Amino acid sequence: MNSSQGSRVVRNLLLRVAYDGTDFHGWQIQPEEATVQGTLAQVLGELCGEAVQLYGAGRTDAGVHAEEQAANVHIASPIPCGNLVRALNDHLPESIRVLSAQEVRKEFHARRDAQSKLYRYRIYRGVICPPSLSRYVFPFPYGLDEAAMAEAAGLFQGTWDFRAFASEDLAGAKEKSTIRTVFSSRLERQGEELRYTVEGSGFLYHMVRIMTGTLIEIGRRRTTAAVIRALLSSGAGSAPGSTAAARGLTLVRVNYPVPRP
């Protein structure tokens, strides 16, 4: 559905975006810092000749990557979607690629309409991490009980109060709900990597990285899976693991109902 603004038709576009987050201070616009949202909005505005505001499906931290982030934007420019994708990729840095653009109903919002988000954390287990992977994995060549980690990962599934697995600033905000639903949570060995893949209705600040850090502590036998059960059941306390490094985390995709034009 389209709305009109004066004599110009305003379209709502859903963009799918991939990026290497290494050189950015996260997704969200920040003053005097290079961010993915800020860079994309600037280039989009210059191409379309209008001020634009991007609404992302969620914020990724500094150093976190995305295979398929989602964002919507209202623009009056009549540039066809295919041409717009090509023009954006001609002007964006190579660390950001727009994968697709499609027109959606004017009420669509990338964050509010998201059904689920899928993240993957990669732990490199080899003795020497190849330079070609070092930006995208967390090297950990030390001893880990991988079987215990894999078993513990399944305990995150379900609807729980994840307060203990959020950073302190958000975990202490009583006005914000910390209830989330995790649809799937699994850790698997693939070659030299341990890959932790988790899909949920949404995630708190640093939540996936803290969950990963807790699994690493279980793998190091510094704690047990019982701590996950206790923290999720009580909705209180603090996870024993540190926040895993940002570079190992990738937003794989954001899932929606089939968009209606």
C-alpha atoms as a PDB file:
ATOM      1  CA  MET A   1       0.000   0.000   0.000  1.00  0.00           C
ATOM      2  CA  ASN A   2       1.264   3.464  -0.810  1.00  0.00           C
ATOM      3  CA  SER A   3       0.677   6.795   0.857  1.00  0.00           C
ATOM      4  CA  SER A   4       1.136  10.139  -0.778  1.00  0.00           C
ATOM      5  CA  GLN A   5       2.919  13.194   0.472  1.00  0.00           C
ATOM      6  CA  GLY A   6       1.854  16.182  -1.590  1.00  0.00           C
ATOM      7  CA  SER A   7       2.126  15.020  -5.191  1.00  0.00           C
ATOM      8  CA  ARG A   8       4.845  12.460  -4.423  1.00  0.00           C
ATOM      9  CA  VAL A   9       4.135   8.813  -3.705  1.00  0.00           C
ATOM     10  CA  VAL A  10       5.930   7.620  -0.561  1.00  0.00           C
ATOM     11  CA  ARG A  11       6.999   3.983  -0.581  1.00  0.00           C
ATOM     12  CA  ASN A  12       7.981   1.819   2.370  1.00  0.00           C
ATOM     13  CA  LEU A  13      10.934  -0.382   1.434  1.00  0.00           C
ATOM     14  CA  LEU A  14      12.278  -3.415   3.272  1.00  0.00           C
ATOM     15  CA  LEU A  15      16.056  -3.667   2.844  1.00  0.00           C
ATOM     16  CA  ARG A  16      18.105  -6.776   3.553  1.00  0.00           C
ATOM     17  CA  VAL A  17      21.668  -5.804   4.461  1.00  0.00           C
ATOM     18  CA  ALA A  18      24.907  -7.717   5.032  1.00  0.00           C
ATOM     19  CA  TYR A  19      27.957  -6.202   6.700  1.00  0.00           C
ATOM     20  CA  ASP A  20      31.332  -6.814   8.246  1.00  0.00           C
ATOM     21  CA  GLY A  21      31.009  -5.030  11.577  1.00  0.00           C
ATOM     22  CA  THR A  22      34.727  -4.871  12.379  1.00  0.00           C
ATOM     23  CA  ASP A  23      35.238  -1.226  11.492  1.00  0.00           C
ATOM     24  CA  PHE A  24      31.884   0.074  12.723  1.00  0.00           C
ATOM     25  CA  HIS A  25      30.638   1.156  16.139  1.00  0.00           C
ATOM     26  CA  GLY A  26      27.621  -1.079  15.773  1.00  0.00           C
ATOM     27  CA  TRP A  27      24.436  -0.668  13.763  1.00  0.00           C
ATOM     28  CA  GLN A  28      22.800   2.288  15.503  1.00  0.00           C
ATOM     29  CA  ILE A  29      23.666   5.875  14.556  1.00  0.00           C
ATOM     30  CA  GLN A  30      26.047   7.513  17.043  1.00  0.00           C
ATOM     31  CA  PRO A  31      27.420  11.055  16.971  1.00  0.00           C
ATOM     32  CA  GLU A  32      30.854  11.298  15.324  1.00  0.00           C
ATOM     33  CA  GLU A  33      31.169   7.500  15.014  1.00  0.00           C
ATOM     34  CA  ALA A  34      31.028   5.309  11.925  1.00  0.00           C
ATOM     35  CA  THR A  35      27.974   3.041  12.146  1.00  0.00           C
ATOM     36  CA  VAL A  36      26.235   0.797   9.643  1.00  0.00           C
ATOM     37  CA  GLN A  37      22.886   2.559   9.984  1.00  0.00           C
ATOM     38  CA  GLY A  38      24.474   5.990   9.666  1.00  0.00           C
ATOM     39  CA  THR A  39      26.532   5.044   6.615  1.00  0.00           C
ATOM     40  CA  LEU A  40      23.605   3.416   4.843  1.00  0.00           C
ATOM     41  CA  ALA A  41      21.220   6.283   5.633  1.00  0.00           C
ATOM     42  CA  GLN A  42      23.689   8.862   4.341  1.00  0.00           C
ATOM     43  CA  VAL A  43      24.258   7.082   1.031  1.00  0.00           C
ATOM     44  CA  LEU A  44      20.549   6.363   0.596  1.00  0.00           C
ATOM     45  CA  GLY A  45      19.673   9.997   1.261  1.00  0.00           C
ATOM     46  CA  GLU A  46      22.245  11.263  -1.220  1.00  0.00           C
ATOM     47  CA  LEU A  47      21.013   8.916  -3.952  1.00  0.00           C
ATOM     48  CA  CYS A  48      17.335   9.706  -3.389  1.00  0.00           C
ATOM     49  CA  GLY A  49      17.783  13.430  -2.751  1.00  0.00           C
ATOM     50  CA  GLU A  50      15.825  13.397   0.496  1.00  0.00           C
ATOM     51  CA  ALA A  51      16.310  12.971   4.231  1.00  0.00           C
ATOM     52  CA  VAL A  52      15.724   9.359   5.257  1.00  0.00           C
ATOM     53  CA  GLN A  53      15.368   7.469   8.486  1.00  0.00           C
ATOM     54  CA  LEU A  54      16.138   3.769   8.638  1.00  0.00           C
ATOM     55  CA  TYR A  55      14.335   1.536  11.122  1.00  0.00           C
ATOM     56  CA  GLY A  56      16.461  -1.521  11.846  1.00  0.00           C
ATOM     57  CA  ALA A  57      15.181  -4.868  13.057  1.00  0.00           C
ATOM     58  CA  GLY A  58      17.615  -4.603  15.957  1.00  0.00           C
ATOM     59  CA  ARG A  59      20.910  -3.155  17.084  1.00  0.00           C
ATOM     60  CA  THR A  60      24.103  -5.105  16.637  1.00  0.00           C
ATOM     61  CA  ASP A  61      27.062  -4.234  18.845  1.00  0.00           C
ATOM     62  CA  ALA A  62      30.351  -2.784  17.674  1.00  0.00           C
ATOM     63  CA  GLY A  63      32.255  -5.519  15.869  1.00  0.00           C
ATOM     64  CA  VAL A  64      29.244  -7.795  15.326  1.00  0.00           C
ATOM     65  CA  HIS A  65      28.500  -8.872  11.754  1.00  0.00           C
ATOM     66  CA  ALA A  66      25.336  -9.551   9.773  1.00  0.00           C
ATOM     67  CA  GLU A  67      24.553 -11.915   6.934  1.00  0.00           C
ATOM     68  CA  GLU A  68      21.051 -10.501   6.602  1.00  0.00           C
ATOM     69  CA  GLN A  69      20.055  -7.576   8.797  1.00  0.00           C
ATOM     70  CA  ALA A  70      16.692  -6.001   7.976  1.00  0.00           C
ATOM     71  CA  ALA A  71      15.603  -2.363   7.911  1.00  0.00           C
ATOM     72  CA  ASN A  72      12.721  -0.392   6.459  1.00  0.00           C
ATOM     73  CA  VAL A  73      12.686   3.149   5.117  1.00  0.00           C
ATOM     74  CA  HIS A  74      10.023   5.492   3.725  1.00  0.00           C
ATOM     75  CA  ILE A  75      11.166   7.275   0.572  1.00  0.00           C
ATOM     76  CA  ALA A  76       9.524   9.366  -2.123  1.00  0.00           C
ATOM     77  CA  SER A  77      12.139   8.562  -4.759  1.00  0.00           C
ATOM     78  CA  PRO A  78      10.687   6.551  -7.677  1.00  0.00           C
ATOM     79  CA  ILE A  79      13.948   4.644  -8.303  1.00  0.00           C
ATOM     80  CA  PRO A  80      12.987   0.988  -8.973  1.00  0.00           C
ATOM     81  CA  CYS A  81      14.076  -1.417  -6.242  1.00  0.00           C
ATOM     82  CA  GLY A  82      16.569  -3.293  -8.416  1.00  0.00           C
ATOM     83  CA  ASN A  83      18.214  -0.105  -9.607  1.00  0.00           C
ATOM     84  CA  LEU A  84      18.326   1.221  -6.061  1.00  0.00           C
ATOM     85  CA  VAL A  85      20.154  -1.888  -4.827  1.00  0.00           C
ATOM     86  CA  ARG A  86      22.756  -1.549  -7.578  1.00  0.00           C
ATOM     87  CA  ALA A  87      23.238   2.168  -6.932  1.00  0.00           C
ATOM     88  CA  LEU A  88      23.602   1.676  -3.182  1.00  0.00           C
ATOM     89  CA  ASN A  89      26.238  -1.014  -3.613  1.00  0.00           C
ATOM     90  CA  ASP A  90      28.128   1.194  -6.066  1.00  0.00           C
ATOM     91  CA  HIS A  91      28.419   3.914  -3.406  1.00  0.00           C
ATOM     92  CA  LEU A  92      28.613   2.018  -0.113  1.00  0.00           C
ATOM     93  CA  PRO A  93      31.918   0.771   1.320  1.00  0.00           C
ATOM     94  CA  GLU A  94      32.576  -2.865   0.443  1.00  0.00           C
ATOM     95  CA  SER A  95      31.992  -3.830   4.070  1.00  0.00           C
ATOM     96  CA  ILE A  96      28.257  -3.098   3.595  1.00  0.00           C
ATOM     97  CA  ARG A  97      26.145  -4.737   0.892  1.00  0.00           C
ATOM     98  CA  VAL A  98      22.429  -4.273   0.284  1.00  0.00           C
ATOM     99  CA  LEU A  99      21.162  -7.709  -0.715  1.00  0.00           C
ATOM    100  CA  SER A 100      17.631  -6.749  -1.729  1.00  0.00           C
ATOM    101  CA  ALA A 101      14.931  -4.095  -1.557  1.00  0.00           C
ATOM    102  CA  GLN A 102      11.209  -4.706  -1.795  1.00  0.00           C
ATOM    103  CA  GLU A 103       8.133  -2.572  -1.394  1.00  0.00           C
ATOM    104  CA  VAL A 104       5.998  -3.465   1.627  1.00  0.00           C
ATOM    105  CA  ARG A 105       2.831  -2.108   3.194  1.00  0.00           C
ATOM    106  CA  LYS A 106       3.193   1.360   4.665  1.00  0.00           C
ATOM    107  CA  GLU A 107       2.562   0.108   8.251  1.00  0.00           C
ATOM    108  CA  PHE A 108       5.396  -2.440   8.123  1.00  0.00           C
ATOM    109  CA  HIS A 109       8.147  -1.877  10.695  1.00  0.00           C
ATOM    110  CA  ALA A 110      11.356  -3.917  10.625  1.00  0.00           C
ATOM    111  CA  ARG A 111      11.597  -4.268  14.412  1.00  0.00           C
ATOM    112  CA  ARG A 112       7.957  -4.520  15.486  1.00  0.00           C
ATOM    113  CA  ASP A 113       6.962  -6.981  12.773  1.00  0.00           C
ATOM    114  CA  ALA A 114       9.914  -9.342  13.207  1.00  0.00           C
ATOM    115  CA  GLN A 115       8.849 -12.857  14.204  1.00  0.00           C
ATOM    116  CA  SER A 116      12.303 -14.086  15.138  1.00  0.00           C
ATOM    117  CA  LYS A 117      16.037 -13.434  14.843  1.00  0.00           C
ATOM    118  CA  LEU A 118      18.728 -16.017  14.276  1.00  0.00           C
ATOM    119  CA  TYR A 119      22.288 -15.512  15.557  1.00  0.00           C
ATOM    120  CA  ARG A 120      25.399 -17.642  15.244  1.00  0.00           C
ATOM    121  CA  TYR A 121      28.534 -17.493  17.391  1.00  0.00           C
ATOM    122  CA  ARG A 122      31.716 -19.113  16.029  1.00  0.00           C
ATOM    123  CA  ILE A 123      34.491 -20.380  18.322  1.00  0.00           C
ATOM    124  CA  TYR A 124      37.667 -21.421  16.518  1.00  0.00           C
ATOM    125  CA  ARG A 125      39.238 -24.449  18.189  1.00  0.00           C
ATOM    126  CA  GLY A 126      42.390 -24.900  16.109  1.00  0.00           C
ATOM    127  CA  VAL A 127      45.830 -24.067  17.509  1.00  0.00           C
ATOM    128  CA  ILE A 128      46.434 -21.358  14.905  1.00  0.00           C
ATOM    129  CA  CYS A 129      43.546 -19.229  13.690  1.00  0.00           C
ATOM    130  CA  PRO A 130      43.889 -18.376   9.975  1.00  0.00           C
ATOM    131  CA  PRO A 131      44.062 -14.608   9.354  1.00  0.00           C
ATOM    132  CA  SER A 132      41.205 -14.940   6.854  1.00  0.00           C
ATOM    133  CA  LEU A 133      38.916 -16.033   9.719  1.00  0.00           C
ATOM    134  CA  SER A 134      40.229 -13.911  12.561  1.00  0.00           C
ATOM    135  CA  ARG A 135      37.677 -11.099  12.085  1.00  0.00           C
ATOM    136  CA  TYR A 136      34.743 -13.509  12.298  1.00  0.00           C
ATOM    137  CA  VAL A 137      35.580 -16.068  14.981  1.00  0.00           C
ATOM    138  CA  PHE A 138      36.670 -16.131  18.617  1.00  0.00           C
ATOM    139  CA  PRO A 139      39.886 -18.212  18.828  1.00  0.00           C
ATOM    140  CA  PHE A 140      39.893 -20.577  21.819  1.00  0.00           C
ATOM    141  CA  PRO A 141      42.414 -23.420  21.371  1.00  0.00           C
ATOM    142  CA  TYR A 142      42.292 -24.456  25.039  1.00  0.00           C
ATOM    143  CA  GLY A 143      40.550 -27.418  26.647  1.00  0.00           C
ATOM    144  CA  LEU A 144      36.752 -27.473  26.542  1.00  0.00           C
ATOM    145  CA  ASP A 145      34.182 -30.119  27.395  1.00  0.00           C
ATOM    146  CA  GLU A 146      32.258 -29.675  24.159  1.00  0.00           C
ATOM    147  CA  ALA A 147      29.701 -32.370  24.986  1.00  0.00           C
ATOM    148  CA  ALA A 148      28.759 -30.566  28.217  1.00  0.00           C
ATOM    149  CA  MET A 149      28.449 -27.282  26.321  1.00  0.00           C
ATOM    150  CA  ALA A 150      26.199 -28.830  23.690  1.00  0.00           C
ATOM    151  CA  GLU A 151      23.937 -30.341  26.345  1.00  0.00           C
ATOM    152  CA  ALA A 152      23.761 -27.063  28.275  1.00  0.00           C
ATOM    153  CA  ALA A 153      22.892 -25.035  25.155  1.00  0.00           C
ATOM    154  CA  GLY A 154      19.510 -26.761  24.936  1.00  0.00           C
ATOM    155  CA  LEU A 155      18.528 -25.431  28.364  1.00  0.00           C
ATOM    156  CA  PHE A 156      18.061 -21.928  26.965  1.00  0.00           C
ATOM    157  CA  GLN A 157      15.078 -23.054  24.888  1.00  0.00           C
ATOM    158  CA  GLY A 158      11.698 -21.881  26.098  1.00  0.00           C
ATOM    159  CA  THR A 159      10.141 -18.716  27.494  1.00  0.00           C
ATOM    160  CA  TRP A 160      12.170 -17.411  30.426  1.00  0.00           C
ATOM    161  CA  ASP A 161      13.232 -14.300  32.259  1.00  0.00           C
ATOM    162  CA  PHE A 162      16.684 -13.695  30.755  1.00  0.00           C
ATOM    163  CA  ARG A 163      17.530 -10.866  33.166  1.00  0.00           C
ATOM    164  CA  ALA A 164      20.674 -12.700  34.339  1.00  0.00           C
ATOM    165  CA  PHE A 165      21.928 -12.914  30.764  1.00  0.00           C
ATOM    166  CA  ALA A 166      21.679  -9.208  29.950  1.00  0.00           C
ATOM    167  CA  SER A 167      24.239  -6.485  30.518  1.00  0.00           C
ATOM    168  CA  GLU A 168      23.876  -4.659  33.811  1.00  0.00           C
ATOM    169  CA  ASP A 169      22.453  -1.422  32.412  1.00  0.00           C
ATOM    170  CA  LEU A 170      19.505  -3.231  30.827  1.00  0.00           C
ATOM    171  CA  ALA A 171      19.172  -5.992  33.393  1.00  0.00           C
ATOM    172  CA  GLY A 172      18.555  -3.399  36.088  1.00  0.00           C
ATOM    173  CA  ALA A 173      15.911  -1.485  34.161  1.00  0.00           C
ATOM    174  CA  LYS A 174      12.752  -2.584  35.969  1.00  0.00           C
ATOM    175  CA  GLU A 175      10.430  -0.898  33.477  1.00  0.00           C
ATOM    176  CA  LYS A 176      11.691  -3.115  30.632  1.00  0.00           C
ATOM    177  CA  SER A 177      10.536  -6.688  30.218  1.00  0.00           C
ATOM    178  CA  THR A 178      13.347  -9.218  30.230  1.00  0.00           C
ATOM    179  CA  ILE A 179      11.077 -12.107  29.214  1.00  0.00           C
ATOM    180  CA  ARG A 180      12.104 -13.644  25.904  1.00  0.00           C
ATOM    181  CA  THR A 181      11.319 -16.856  24.022  1.00  0.00           C
ATOM    182  CA  VAL A 182      14.168 -18.907  22.586  1.00  0.00           C
ATOM    183  CA  PHE A 183      12.863 -21.234  19.872  1.00  0.00           C
ATOM    184  CA  SER A 184      16.069 -23.169  19.290  1.00  0.00           C
ATOM    185  CA  SER A 185      19.507 -23.243  20.896  1.00  0.00           C
ATOM    186  CA  ARG A 186      22.204 -25.657  19.795  1.00  0.00           C
ATOM    187  CA  LEU A 187      25.973 -25.948  19.772  1.00  0.00           C
ATOM    188  CA  GLU A 188      27.685 -28.125  17.181  1.00  0.00           C
ATOM    189  CA  ARG A 189      31.226 -28.891  16.058  1.00  0.00           C
ATOM    190  CA  GLN A 190      31.892 -28.105  12.391  1.00  0.00           C
ATOM    191  CA  GLY A 191      35.490 -28.797  11.415  1.00  0.00           C
ATOM    192  CA  GLU A 192      37.744 -26.604  13.537  1.00  0.00           C
ATOM    193  CA  GLU A 193      34.825 -24.544  14.819  1.00  0.00           C
ATOM    194  CA  LEU A 194      32.247 -24.773  17.543  1.00  0.00           C
ATOM    195  CA  ARG A 195      29.138 -23.013  16.288  1.00  0.00           C
ATOM    196  CA  TYR A 196      26.454 -21.860  18.691  1.00  0.00           C
ATOM    197  CA  THR A 197      23.199 -21.090  16.836  1.00  0.00           C
ATOM    198  CA  VAL A 198      20.239 -19.547  18.614  1.00  0.00           C
ATOM    199  CA  GLU A 199      16.885 -18.299  17.354  1.00  0.00           C
ATOM    200  CA  GLY A 200      14.471 -16.314  19.473  1.00  0.00           C
ATOM    201  CA  SER A 201      11.656 -13.808  19.525  1.00  0.00           C
ATOM    202  CA  GLY A 202      14.171 -11.138  20.479  1.00  0.00           C
ATOM    203  CA  PHE A 203      17.332 -10.661  22.478  1.00  0.00           C
ATOM    204  CA  LEU A 204      18.427  -8.357  25.292  1.00  0.00           C
ATOM    205  CA  TYR A 205      21.573  -6.236  25.197  1.00  0.00           C
ATOM    206  CA  HIS A 206      24.611  -8.560  24.969  1.00  0.00           C
ATOM    207  CA  MET A 207      22.336 -11.543  25.647  1.00  0.00           C
ATOM    208  CA  VAL A 208      23.725 -13.936  23.011  1.00  0.00           C
ATOM    209  CA  ARG A 209      27.317 -13.052  23.909  1.00  0.00           C
ATOM    210  CA  ILE A 210      26.666 -13.644  27.626  1.00  0.00           C
ATOM    211  CA  MET A 211      24.922 -16.941  26.887  1.00  0.00           C
ATOM    212  CA  THR A 212      27.969 -17.947  24.842  1.00  0.00           C
ATOM    213  CA  GLY A 213      30.318 -16.869  27.617  1.00  0.00           C
ATOM    214  CA  THR A 214      28.357 -19.037  30.056  1.00  0.00           C
ATOM    215  CA  LEU A 215      28.653 -22.046  27.759  1.00  0.00           C
ATOM    216  CA  ILE A 216      32.405 -21.485  27.581  1.00  0.00           C
ATOM    217  CA  GLU A 217      32.593 -21.463  31.391  1.00  0.00           C
ATOM    218  CA  ILE A 218      30.715 -24.766  31.429  1.00  0.00           C
ATOM    219  CA  GLY A 219      33.140 -26.110  28.828  1.00  0.00           C
ATOM    220  CA  ARG A 220      36.074 -25.064  31.011  1.00  0.00           C
ATOM    221  CA  ARG A 221      34.417 -26.887  33.939  1.00  0.00           C
ATOM    222  CA  ARG A 222      34.337 -23.736  36.021  1.00  0.00           C
ATOM    223  CA  THR A 223      30.574 -24.100  36.467  1.00  0.00           C
ATOM    224  CA  THR A 224      27.833 -26.539  35.499  1.00  0.00           C
ATOM    225  CA  ALA A 225      24.651 -26.521  33.459  1.00  0.00           C
ATOM    226  CA  ALA A 226      22.695 -26.295  36.718  1.00  0.00           C
ATOM    227  CA  VAL A 227      23.520 -22.599  36.870  1.00  0.00           C
ATOM    228  CA  ILE A 228      21.534 -22.000  33.669  1.00  0.00           C
ATOM    229  CA  ARG A 229      18.482 -23.757  35.092  1.00  0.00           C
ATOM    230  CA  ALA A 230      18.716 -21.787  38.324  1.00  0.00           C
ATOM    231  CA  LEU A 231      19.154 -18.378  36.680  1.00  0.00           C
ATOM    232  CA  LEU A 232      16.334 -18.882  34.173  1.00  0.00           C
ATOM    233  CA  SER A 233      13.961 -20.248  36.800  1.00  0.00           C
ATOM    234  CA  SER A 234      14.571 -17.447  39.283  1.00  0.00           C
ATOM    235  CA  GLY A 235      14.996 -14.541  36.881  1.00  0.00           C
ATOM    236  CA  ALA A 236      17.642 -13.226  39.266  1.00  0.00           C
ATOM    237  CA  GLY A 237      21.399 -13.288  39.707  1.00  0.00           C
ATOM    238  CA  SER A 238      24.190 -12.900  37.188  1.00  0.00           C
ATOM    239  CA  ALA A 239      25.516 -15.306  34.603  1.00  0.00           C
ATOM    240  CA  PRO A 240      28.964 -16.686  35.522  1.00  0.00           C
ATOM    241  CA  GLY A 241      30.532 -16.209  32.094  1.00  0.00           C
ATOM    242  CA  SER A 242      32.101 -13.073  30.696  1.00  0.00           C
ATOM    243  CA  THR A 243      30.603 -11.433  27.616  1.00  0.00           C
ATOM    244  CA  ALA A 244      32.080 -13.286  24.629  1.00  0.00           C
ATOM    245  CA  ALA A 245      34.021 -11.182  22.110  1.00  0.00           C
ATOM    246  CA  ALA A 246      31.877  -9.363  19.558  1.00  0.00           C
ATOM    247  CA  ARG A 247      33.819 -10.543  16.509  1.00  0.00           C
ATOM    248  CA  GLY A 248      32.550 -14.117  16.807  1.00  0.00           C
ATOM    249  CA  LEU A 249      28.879 -13.118  16.530  1.00  0.00           C
ATOM    250  CA  THR A 250      26.815 -12.800  13.349  1.00  0.00           C
ATOM    251  CA  LEU A 251      23.162 -11.931  12.872  1.00  0.00           C
ATOM    252  CA  VAL A 252      22.227 -14.578  10.327  1.00  0.00           C
ATOM    253  CA  ARG A 253      18.704 -13.442   9.451  1.00  0.00           C
ATOM    254  CA  VAL A 254      15.509 -11.774  10.636  1.00  0.00           C
ATOM    255  CA  ASN A 255      12.277 -13.641   9.929  1.00  0.00           C
ATOM    256  CA  TYR A 256       8.929 -12.059   9.062  1.00  0.00           C
ATOM    257  CA  PRO A 257       5.498 -13.134   7.945  1.00  0.00           C
ATOM    258  CA  VAL A 258       5.344 -12.949   4.153  1.00  0.00           C
ATOM    259  CA  PRO A 259       5.308  -9.155   3.478  1.00  0.00           C
ATOM    260  CA  ARG A 260       2.284  -7.867   1.610  1.00  0.00           C
ATOM    261  CA  PRO A 261       2.886  -5.049  -0.921  1.00  0.00           C
END
